[in-house]
Amino acid sequence: MPEIDNQITPPRLSDEAIAHYRSLLTPALERDFPEHYARLKASVDGALGVTGQSLNPPPDGRTAAQVLHDRRHGIEPGKLPDVLRSIVERDAAAQIKAEDVKAQLEALGDDPAKAIEAAKAVLLQTGSAVKPEQLGANALRQLVIYSDHLKRHQQTRPK
């Protein structure tokens, strides 16, 4: 399992991989190729069992208008954008000195305490195990910008 600063993170199958497996495991495959279907299903079930995921994810719960609004604003509820997630993971794996981060944020005119608070809110909202204190100034600043984006997005989101 991958480690981020001595925190073990569980493995996950991507949403695309799960959708692909779902598209393969059809009644037609089961009918025409039962042995192949059984082997594939056993393999997929084993992987999903390890990750704690499901072949049929829970329903979204958003209205069509909310889904469209989220997509137009680049928002996937509960997820960081891939580029931002990469920045956060890279910084979390590095040994960054808090005093350097504080000095860099202050040089940019940012309040380090407010930046950490905004980053913490985004990381909690997206289910990340990373703590904002592990991050460098760039990652914190990007999380602050994303936090502001989420706030603006929420103000105009359909009910």
N, C-alpha and C. Protein backbone atom coordinates (compact mmCIF):
# COMPACT_ATOMS: atom_id res chain seq x y z
N MET A 1 0.83 -1.18 0.00
CA MET A 1 0.00 0.00 0.00
C MET A 1 0.88 1.24 0.00
N PRO A 2 0.45 2.30 -0.69
CA PRO A 2 1.25 3.53 -0.70
C PRO A 2 1.28 4.17 0.68
N GLU A 3 2.41 4.81 0.98
CA GLU A 3 2.54 5.51 2.25
C GLU A 3 2.73 6.99 2.01
N ILE A 4 2.06 7.79 2.83
CA ILE A 4 2.25 9.23 2.81
C ILE A 4 2.63 9.62 4.22
N ASP A 5 3.90 9.95 4.42
CA ASP A 5 4.40 10.37 5.72
C ASP A 5 3.97 9.38 6.80
N ASN A 6 4.29 8.11 6.58
CA ASN A 6 4.01 7.02 7.52
C ASN A 6 2.53 6.75 7.72
N GLN A 7 1.66 7.29 6.89
CA GLN A 7 0.24 7.00 6.94
C GLN A 7 -0.06 6.06 5.78
N ILE A 8 -0.53 4.88 6.09
CA ILE A 8 -0.84 3.91 5.04
C ILE A 8 -2.18 4.26 4.43
N THR A 9 -2.21 4.38 3.12
CA THR A 9 -3.45 4.66 2.42
C THR A 9 -3.89 3.39 1.70
N PRO A 10 -5.16 3.06 1.78
CA PRO A 10 -5.62 1.82 1.16
C PRO A 10 -5.58 1.91 -0.36
N PRO A 11 -5.39 0.77 -1.03
CA PRO A 11 -5.40 0.79 -2.49
C PRO A 11 -6.81 1.07 -3.00
N ARG A 12 -6.90 1.62 -4.21
CA ARG A 12 -8.20 1.92 -4.82
C ARG A 12 -8.13 1.61 -6.31
N LEU A 13 -9.25 1.13 -6.82
CA LEU A 13 -9.41 1.01 -8.26
C LEU A 13 -9.98 2.33 -8.76
N SER A 14 -9.55 2.78 -9.91
CA SER A 14 -10.08 4.03 -10.45
C SER A 14 -11.54 3.83 -10.84
N ASP A 15 -12.27 4.92 -10.90
CA ASP A 15 -13.67 4.87 -11.34
C ASP A 15 -13.75 4.32 -12.76
N GLU A 16 -12.76 4.67 -13.58
CA GLU A 16 -12.73 4.19 -14.96
C GLU A 16 -12.55 2.68 -15.01
N ALA A 17 -11.68 2.14 -14.15
CA ALA A 17 -11.45 0.68 -14.12
C ALA A 17 -12.73 -0.05 -13.70
N ILE A 18 -13.39 0.48 -12.68
CA ILE A 18 -14.63 -0.15 -12.22
C ILE A 18 -15.69 -0.10 -13.31
N ALA A 19 -15.81 1.03 -13.99
CA ALA A 19 -16.79 1.14 -15.09
C ALA A 19 -16.44 0.16 -16.21
N HIS A 20 -15.15 -0.01 -16.49
CA HIS A 20 -14.73 -0.94 -17.53
C HIS A 20 -15.10 -2.38 -17.15
N TYR A 21 -14.82 -2.76 -15.90
CA TYR A 21 -15.18 -4.11 -15.45
C TYR A 21 -16.69 -4.31 -15.50
N ARG A 22 -17.43 -3.28 -15.12
CA ARG A 22 -18.90 -3.36 -15.15
C ARG A 22 -19.36 -3.60 -16.59
N SER A 23 -18.72 -2.94 -17.54
CA SER A 23 -19.11 -3.10 -18.95
C SER A 23 -18.75 -4.49 -19.48
N LEU A 24 -17.71 -5.12 -18.91
CA LEU A 24 -17.31 -6.46 -19.36
C LEU A 24 -18.19 -7.57 -18.78
N LEU A 25 -18.58 -7.40 -17.53
CA LEU A 25 -19.33 -8.46 -16.83
C LEU A 25 -20.81 -8.39 -17.17
N THR A 26 -21.13 -8.77 -18.39
CA THR A 26 -22.50 -8.70 -18.88
C THR A 26 -23.17 -10.07 -18.86
N PRO A 27 -24.50 -10.09 -18.86
CA PRO A 27 -25.20 -11.38 -18.97
C PRO A 27 -24.81 -12.15 -20.24
N ALA A 28 -24.51 -11.44 -21.33
CA ALA A 28 -24.11 -12.11 -22.57
C ALA A 28 -22.78 -12.84 -22.39
N LEU A 29 -21.81 -12.21 -21.69
CA LEU A 29 -20.53 -12.87 -21.44
C LEU A 29 -20.75 -14.09 -20.55
N GLU A 30 -21.59 -13.95 -19.54
CA GLU A 30 -21.87 -15.06 -18.64
C GLU A 30 -22.51 -16.23 -19.40
N ARG A 31 -23.41 -15.92 -20.31
CA ARG A 31 -24.11 -16.94 -21.08
C ARG A 31 -23.19 -17.61 -22.10
N ASP A 32 -22.41 -16.79 -22.85
CA ASP A 32 -21.60 -17.31 -23.95
C ASP A 32 -20.26 -17.89 -23.50
N PHE A 33 -19.68 -17.33 -22.45
CA PHE A 33 -18.36 -17.76 -21.98
C PHE A 33 -18.37 -17.88 -20.46
N PRO A 34 -19.08 -18.86 -19.91
CA PRO A 34 -19.24 -18.94 -18.45
C PRO A 34 -17.93 -19.09 -17.68
N GLU A 35 -16.97 -19.83 -18.22
CA GLU A 35 -15.69 -19.99 -17.50
C GLU A 35 -14.93 -18.68 -17.45
N HIS A 36 -14.87 -17.99 -18.58
CA HIS A 36 -14.18 -16.70 -18.63
C HIS A 36 -14.87 -15.70 -17.69
N TYR A 37 -16.19 -15.68 -17.73
CA TYR A 37 -16.96 -14.79 -16.87
C TYR A 37 -16.65 -15.08 -15.40
N ALA A 38 -16.64 -16.36 -15.03
CA ALA A 38 -16.40 -16.75 -13.63
C ALA A 38 -15.01 -16.32 -13.17
N ARG A 39 -13.99 -16.52 -14.02
CA ARG A 39 -12.63 -16.10 -13.65
C ARG A 39 -12.52 -14.59 -13.51
N LEU A 40 -13.09 -13.87 -14.47
CA LEU A 40 -13.05 -12.41 -14.42
C LEU A 40 -13.81 -11.89 -13.21
N LYS A 41 -14.99 -12.45 -12.96
CA LYS A 41 -15.80 -12.00 -11.82
C LYS A 41 -15.08 -12.27 -10.51
N ALA A 42 -14.44 -13.43 -10.38
CA ALA A 42 -13.69 -13.75 -9.16
C ALA A 42 -12.54 -12.78 -8.96
N SER A 43 -11.83 -12.45 -10.05
CA SER A 43 -10.72 -11.51 -9.96
C SER A 43 -11.20 -10.12 -9.55
N VAL A 44 -12.27 -9.66 -10.19
CA VAL A 44 -12.81 -8.33 -9.88
C VAL A 44 -13.34 -8.30 -8.45
N ASP A 45 -14.08 -9.33 -8.05
CA ASP A 45 -14.60 -9.38 -6.69
C ASP A 45 -13.48 -9.37 -5.65
N GLY A 46 -12.40 -10.08 -5.95
CA GLY A 46 -11.25 -10.08 -5.04
C GLY A 46 -10.63 -8.70 -4.91
N ALA A 47 -10.45 -8.02 -6.04
CA ALA A 47 -9.87 -6.66 -6.01
C ALA A 47 -10.79 -5.70 -5.28
N LEU A 48 -12.08 -5.79 -5.55
CA LEU A 48 -13.03 -4.90 -4.88
C LEU A 48 -13.10 -5.19 -3.38
N GLY A 49 -12.95 -6.46 -3.02
CA GLY A 49 -12.94 -6.82 -1.60
C GLY A 49 -11.77 -6.21 -0.85
N VAL A 50 -10.61 -6.16 -1.51
CA VAL A 50 -9.41 -5.57 -0.89
C VAL A 50 -9.58 -4.07 -0.74
N THR A 51 -10.16 -3.42 -1.75
CA THR A 51 -10.28 -1.96 -1.72
C THR A 51 -11.50 -1.47 -0.96
N GLY A 52 -12.47 -2.37 -0.73
CA GLY A 52 -13.69 -1.96 -0.05
C GLY A 52 -14.65 -1.22 -0.96
N GLN A 53 -14.40 -1.33 -2.26
CA GLN A 53 -15.26 -0.65 -3.22
C GLN A 53 -16.33 -1.61 -3.73
N SER A 54 -17.24 -1.08 -4.53
CA SER A 54 -18.34 -1.87 -5.07
C SER A 54 -18.38 -1.74 -6.58
N LEU A 55 -18.79 -2.82 -7.24
CA LEU A 55 -18.92 -2.77 -8.70
C LEU A 55 -20.04 -1.81 -9.09
N ASN A 56 -21.05 -1.71 -8.25
CA ASN A 56 -22.16 -0.79 -8.47
C ASN A 56 -22.11 0.29 -7.39
N PRO A 57 -21.50 1.43 -7.71
CA PRO A 57 -21.36 2.48 -6.70
C PRO A 57 -22.72 3.01 -6.26
N PRO A 58 -22.79 3.62 -5.07
CA PRO A 58 -24.05 4.18 -4.61
C PRO A 58 -24.53 5.28 -5.55
N PRO A 59 -25.84 5.52 -5.59
CA PRO A 59 -26.35 6.57 -6.48
C PRO A 59 -25.77 7.93 -6.11
N ASP A 60 -25.67 8.78 -7.11
CA ASP A 60 -25.04 10.09 -6.96
C ASP A 60 -25.81 10.99 -6.00
N GLY A 61 -27.11 11.07 -6.14
CA GLY A 61 -27.90 11.92 -5.25
C GLY A 61 -28.02 13.37 -5.70
N ARG A 62 -27.31 13.73 -6.76
CA ARG A 62 -27.41 15.10 -7.27
C ARG A 62 -28.46 15.17 -8.36
N THR A 63 -29.05 16.33 -8.51
CA THR A 63 -30.00 16.54 -9.61
C THR A 63 -29.21 16.69 -10.91
N ALA A 64 -29.90 16.57 -12.03
CA ALA A 64 -29.24 16.74 -13.33
C ALA A 64 -28.64 18.15 -13.44
N ALA A 65 -29.34 19.14 -12.92
CA ALA A 65 -28.83 20.53 -12.98
C ALA A 65 -27.55 20.66 -12.14
N GLN A 66 -27.51 20.00 -10.98
CA GLN A 66 -26.32 20.06 -10.14
C GLN A 66 -25.13 19.36 -10.80
N VAL A 67 -25.39 18.21 -11.42
CA VAL A 67 -24.33 17.48 -12.12
C VAL A 67 -23.75 18.35 -13.23
N LEU A 68 -24.62 18.96 -14.02
CA LEU A 68 -24.16 19.83 -15.10
C LEU A 68 -23.37 21.02 -14.56
N HIS A 69 -23.88 21.66 -13.51
CA HIS A 69 -23.20 22.81 -12.91
C HIS A 69 -21.82 22.40 -12.39
N ASP A 70 -21.76 21.26 -11.69
CA ASP A 70 -20.48 20.78 -11.17
C ASP A 70 -19.49 20.52 -12.30
N ARG A 71 -19.95 19.87 -13.35
CA ARG A 71 -19.08 19.55 -14.48
C ARG A 71 -18.56 20.82 -15.14
N ARG A 72 -19.44 21.80 -15.32
CA ARG A 72 -19.03 23.06 -15.97
C ARG A 72 -18.00 23.82 -15.15
N HIS A 73 -18.01 23.63 -13.83
CA HIS A 73 -17.07 24.33 -12.96
C HIS A 73 -15.89 23.45 -12.55
N GLY A 74 -15.77 22.27 -13.15
CA GLY A 74 -14.62 21.41 -12.87
C GLY A 74 -14.64 20.82 -11.48
N ILE A 75 -15.82 20.57 -10.95
CA ILE A 75 -15.96 20.05 -9.59
C ILE A 75 -16.45 18.62 -9.63
N GLU A 76 -15.74 17.74 -8.94
CA GLU A 76 -16.22 16.39 -8.68
C GLU A 76 -16.38 16.30 -7.18
N PRO A 77 -17.62 16.28 -6.68
CA PRO A 77 -17.82 16.28 -5.23
C PRO A 77 -17.01 15.18 -4.53
N GLY A 78 -16.32 15.58 -3.47
CA GLY A 78 -15.53 14.64 -2.69
C GLY A 78 -14.18 14.30 -3.28
N LYS A 79 -13.78 14.97 -4.34
CA LYS A 79 -12.49 14.67 -4.97
C LYS A 79 -11.73 15.95 -5.27
N LEU A 80 -10.41 15.86 -5.11
CA LEU A 80 -9.54 16.94 -5.57
C LEU A 80 -9.30 16.75 -7.06
N PRO A 81 -9.14 17.83 -7.81
CA PRO A 81 -8.72 17.66 -9.21
C PRO A 81 -7.39 16.90 -9.26
N ASP A 82 -7.19 16.11 -10.30
CA ASP A 82 -6.02 15.25 -10.39
C ASP A 82 -4.71 16.00 -10.22
N VAL A 83 -4.58 17.15 -10.87
CA VAL A 83 -3.33 17.91 -10.77
C VAL A 83 -3.09 18.37 -9.34
N LEU A 84 -4.14 18.86 -8.69
CA LEU A 84 -4.00 19.32 -7.31
C LEU A 84 -3.70 18.15 -6.37
N ARG A 85 -4.34 17.01 -6.61
CA ARG A 85 -4.07 15.81 -5.81
C ARG A 85 -2.60 15.41 -5.93
N SER A 86 -2.06 15.49 -7.14
CA SER A 86 -0.65 15.15 -7.36
C SER A 86 0.27 16.10 -6.59
N ILE A 87 -0.05 17.38 -6.63
CA ILE A 87 0.75 18.37 -5.89
C ILE A 87 0.73 18.06 -4.41
N VAL A 88 -0.44 17.78 -3.88
CA VAL A 88 -0.59 17.49 -2.45
C VAL A 88 0.17 16.22 -2.08
N GLU A 89 0.04 15.17 -2.88
CA GLU A 89 0.73 13.91 -2.58
C GLU A 89 2.24 14.08 -2.64
N ARG A 90 2.71 14.84 -3.62
CA ARG A 90 4.16 15.07 -3.74
C ARG A 90 4.69 15.82 -2.52
N ASP A 91 4.00 16.86 -2.13
CA ASP A 91 4.44 17.64 -0.97
C ASP A 91 4.36 16.81 0.31
N ALA A 92 3.31 16.00 0.45
CA ALA A 92 3.14 15.20 1.66
C ALA A 92 4.28 14.20 1.81
N ALA A 93 4.83 13.73 0.70
CA ALA A 93 5.92 12.77 0.74
C ALA A 93 7.27 13.44 1.02
N ALA A 94 7.36 14.75 0.80
CA ALA A 94 8.62 15.48 1.02
C ALA A 94 8.73 15.91 2.48
N GLN A 95 9.92 16.18 2.90
CA GLN A 95 10.16 16.68 4.25
C GLN A 95 10.28 18.21 4.16
N ILE A 96 9.18 18.90 4.41
CA ILE A 96 9.14 20.34 4.26
C ILE A 96 9.15 20.98 5.65
N LYS A 97 9.97 21.99 5.81
CA LYS A 97 10.09 22.67 7.11
C LYS A 97 8.98 23.70 7.25
N ALA A 98 8.27 23.64 8.36
CA ALA A 98 7.14 24.53 8.60
C ALA A 98 7.57 26.00 8.60
N GLU A 99 8.74 26.29 9.13
CA GLU A 99 9.18 27.69 9.18
C GLU A 99 9.45 28.24 7.78
N ASP A 100 9.94 27.38 6.88
CA ASP A 100 10.15 27.81 5.49
C ASP A 100 8.81 28.12 4.81
N VAL A 101 7.83 27.25 5.06
CA VAL A 101 6.50 27.43 4.47
C VAL A 101 5.89 28.73 4.98
N LYS A 102 6.01 28.96 6.28
CA LYS A 102 5.45 30.18 6.87
C LYS A 102 6.10 31.41 6.24
N ALA A 103 7.41 31.41 6.11
CA ALA A 103 8.12 32.56 5.52
C ALA A 103 7.70 32.76 4.06
N GLN A 104 7.55 31.68 3.31
CA GLN A 104 7.16 31.79 1.91
C GLN A 104 5.74 32.35 1.78
N LEU A 105 4.82 31.86 2.61
CA LEU A 105 3.45 32.37 2.54
C LEU A 105 3.38 33.85 2.93
N GLU A 106 4.13 34.22 3.96
CA GLU A 106 4.15 35.62 4.38
C GLU A 106 4.75 36.50 3.27
N ALA A 107 5.76 35.99 2.56
CA ALA A 107 6.37 36.75 1.46
C ALA A 107 5.36 36.97 0.33
N LEU A 108 4.40 36.06 0.20
CA LEU A 108 3.35 36.20 -0.81
C LEU A 108 2.20 37.09 -0.33
N GLY A 109 2.28 37.49 0.94
CA GLY A 109 1.22 38.32 1.50
C GLY A 109 0.06 37.52 2.07
N ASP A 110 0.27 36.23 2.28
CA ASP A 110 -0.78 35.36 2.83
C ASP A 110 -0.60 35.18 4.33
N ASP A 111 -1.71 34.97 5.01
CA ASP A 111 -1.69 34.63 6.43
C ASP A 111 -1.55 33.12 6.53
N PRO A 112 -0.43 32.61 7.05
CA PRO A 112 -0.22 31.16 7.11
C PRO A 112 -1.34 30.41 7.86
N ALA A 113 -1.85 30.98 8.94
CA ALA A 113 -2.90 30.32 9.71
C ALA A 113 -4.18 30.18 8.88
N LYS A 114 -4.53 31.24 8.14
CA LYS A 114 -5.72 31.18 7.29
C LYS A 114 -5.52 30.19 6.14
N ALA A 115 -4.30 30.14 5.58
CA ALA A 115 -4.01 29.21 4.48
C ALA A 115 -4.15 27.77 4.96
N ILE A 116 -3.63 27.50 6.14
CA ILE A 116 -3.72 26.13 6.69
C ILE A 116 -5.17 25.78 6.98
N GLU A 117 -5.93 26.72 7.50
CA GLU A 117 -7.35 26.47 7.79
C GLU A 117 -8.15 26.19 6.51
N ALA A 118 -7.92 26.97 5.48
CA ALA A 118 -8.62 26.76 4.20
C ALA A 118 -8.21 25.42 3.59
N ALA A 119 -6.92 25.11 3.65
CA ALA A 119 -6.43 23.83 3.11
C ALA A 119 -7.01 22.67 3.89
N LYS A 120 -7.07 22.80 5.20
CA LYS A 120 -7.63 21.74 6.03
C LYS A 120 -9.09 21.46 5.66
N ALA A 121 -9.86 22.50 5.43
CA ALA A 121 -11.27 22.33 5.06
C ALA A 121 -11.40 21.58 3.74
N VAL A 122 -10.58 21.93 2.75
CA VAL A 122 -10.65 21.26 1.45
C VAL A 122 -10.20 19.80 1.58
N LEU A 123 -9.13 19.57 2.32
CA LEU A 123 -8.63 18.20 2.47
C LEU A 123 -9.65 17.32 3.19
N LEU A 124 -10.32 17.87 4.21
CA LEU A 124 -11.36 17.10 4.91
C LEU A 124 -12.54 16.83 3.99
N GLN A 125 -12.94 17.83 3.23
CA GLN A 125 -14.08 17.72 2.33
C GLN A 125 -13.84 16.67 1.24
N THR A 126 -12.59 16.50 0.86
CA THR A 126 -12.28 15.55 -0.21
C THR A 126 -11.77 14.22 0.32
N GLY A 127 -11.79 14.04 1.63
CA GLY A 127 -11.42 12.75 2.22
C GLY A 127 -9.94 12.43 2.20
N SER A 128 -9.11 13.43 2.06
CA SER A 128 -7.66 13.21 2.03
C SER A 128 -7.13 12.96 3.44
N ALA A 129 -6.17 12.03 3.53
CA ALA A 129 -5.54 11.73 4.81
C ALA A 129 -4.37 12.68 5.10
N VAL A 130 -4.03 13.51 4.13
CA VAL A 130 -2.91 14.43 4.27
C VAL A 130 -3.30 15.58 5.19
N LYS A 131 -2.37 15.98 6.02
CA LYS A 131 -2.59 17.12 6.92
C LYS A 131 -1.94 18.36 6.29
N PRO A 132 -2.58 19.53 6.40
CA PRO A 132 -2.02 20.72 5.74
C PRO A 132 -0.63 21.10 6.26
N GLU A 133 -0.32 20.70 7.48
CA GLU A 133 0.99 21.01 8.05
C GLU A 133 2.11 20.27 7.33
N GLN A 134 1.77 19.25 6.54
CA GLN A 134 2.77 18.48 5.79
C GLN A 134 3.11 19.14 4.46
N LEU A 135 2.38 20.18 4.09
CA LEU A 135 2.47 20.71 2.73
C LEU A 135 3.34 21.95 2.64
N GLY A 136 3.85 22.15 1.44
CA GLY A 136 4.65 23.33 1.15
C GLY A 136 3.76 24.51 0.78
N ALA A 137 4.38 25.66 0.59
CA ALA A 137 3.64 26.89 0.31
C ALA A 137 2.84 26.79 -1.00
N ASN A 138 3.42 26.17 -2.02
CA ASN A 138 2.71 26.06 -3.30
C ASN A 138 1.43 25.24 -3.15
N ALA A 139 1.52 24.08 -2.51
CA ALA A 139 0.34 23.24 -2.34
C ALA A 139 -0.70 23.95 -1.48
N LEU A 140 -0.26 24.60 -0.42
CA LEU A 140 -1.21 25.33 0.44
C LEU A 140 -1.89 26.44 -0.35
N ARG A 141 -1.11 27.16 -1.12
CA ARG A 141 -1.67 28.27 -1.91
C ARG A 141 -2.67 27.75 -2.94
N GLN A 142 -2.35 26.63 -3.58
CA GLN A 142 -3.27 26.04 -4.55
C GLN A 142 -4.57 25.57 -3.87
N LEU A 143 -4.45 25.04 -2.67
CA LEU A 143 -5.64 24.62 -1.92
C LEU A 143 -6.48 25.82 -1.50
N VAL A 144 -5.84 26.94 -1.17
CA VAL A 144 -6.58 28.16 -0.85
C VAL A 144 -7.36 28.63 -2.08
N ILE A 145 -6.71 28.63 -3.22
CA ILE A 145 -7.38 29.04 -4.46
C ILE A 145 -8.55 28.10 -4.76
N TYR A 146 -8.34 26.80 -4.58
CA TYR A 146 -9.42 25.84 -4.83
C TYR A 146 -10.55 26.01 -3.82
N SER A 147 -10.21 26.33 -2.60
CA SER A 147 -11.23 26.60 -1.56
C SER A 147 -12.10 27.78 -1.97
N ASP A 148 -11.47 28.85 -2.46
CA ASP A 148 -12.22 30.01 -2.94
C ASP A 148 -13.11 29.64 -4.12
N HIS A 149 -12.58 28.80 -5.01
CA HIS A 149 -13.36 28.32 -6.17
C HIS A 149 -14.58 27.53 -5.69
N LEU A 150 -14.39 26.65 -4.71
CA LEU A 150 -15.51 25.86 -4.19
C LEU A 150 -16.58 26.75 -3.56
N LYS A 151 -16.15 27.80 -2.86
CA LYS A 151 -17.12 28.72 -2.24
C LYS A 151 -17.93 29.45 -3.30
N ARG A 152 -17.26 29.95 -4.35
CA ARG A 152 -17.99 30.63 -5.44
C ARG A 152 -18.92 29.66 -6.15
N HIS A 153 -18.45 28.46 -6.37
CA HIS A 153 -19.25 27.42 -7.03
C HIS A 153 -20.50 27.12 -6.22
N GLN A 154 -20.36 27.00 -4.92
CA GLN A 154 -21.50 26.65 -4.06
C GLN A 154 -22.55 27.76 -4.06
N GLN A 155 -22.14 29.01 -4.19
CA GLN A 155 -23.09 30.13 -4.18
C GLN A 155 -24.02 30.13 -5.39
N THR A 156 -23.56 29.59 -6.52
CA THR A 156 -24.36 29.61 -7.73
C THR A 156 -24.93 28.24 -8.10
N ARG A 157 -24.66 27.25 -7.26
CA ARG A 157 -25.10 25.88 -7.57
C ARG A 157 -26.61 25.73 -7.38
N PRO A 158 -27.28 25.10 -8.35
CA PRO A 158 -28.74 24.89 -8.21
C PRO A 158 -29.05 24.02 -6.99
N LYS A 159 -30.20 24.25 -6.43
CA LYS A 159 -30.63 23.47 -5.25
C LYS A 159 -31.26 22.18 -5.65
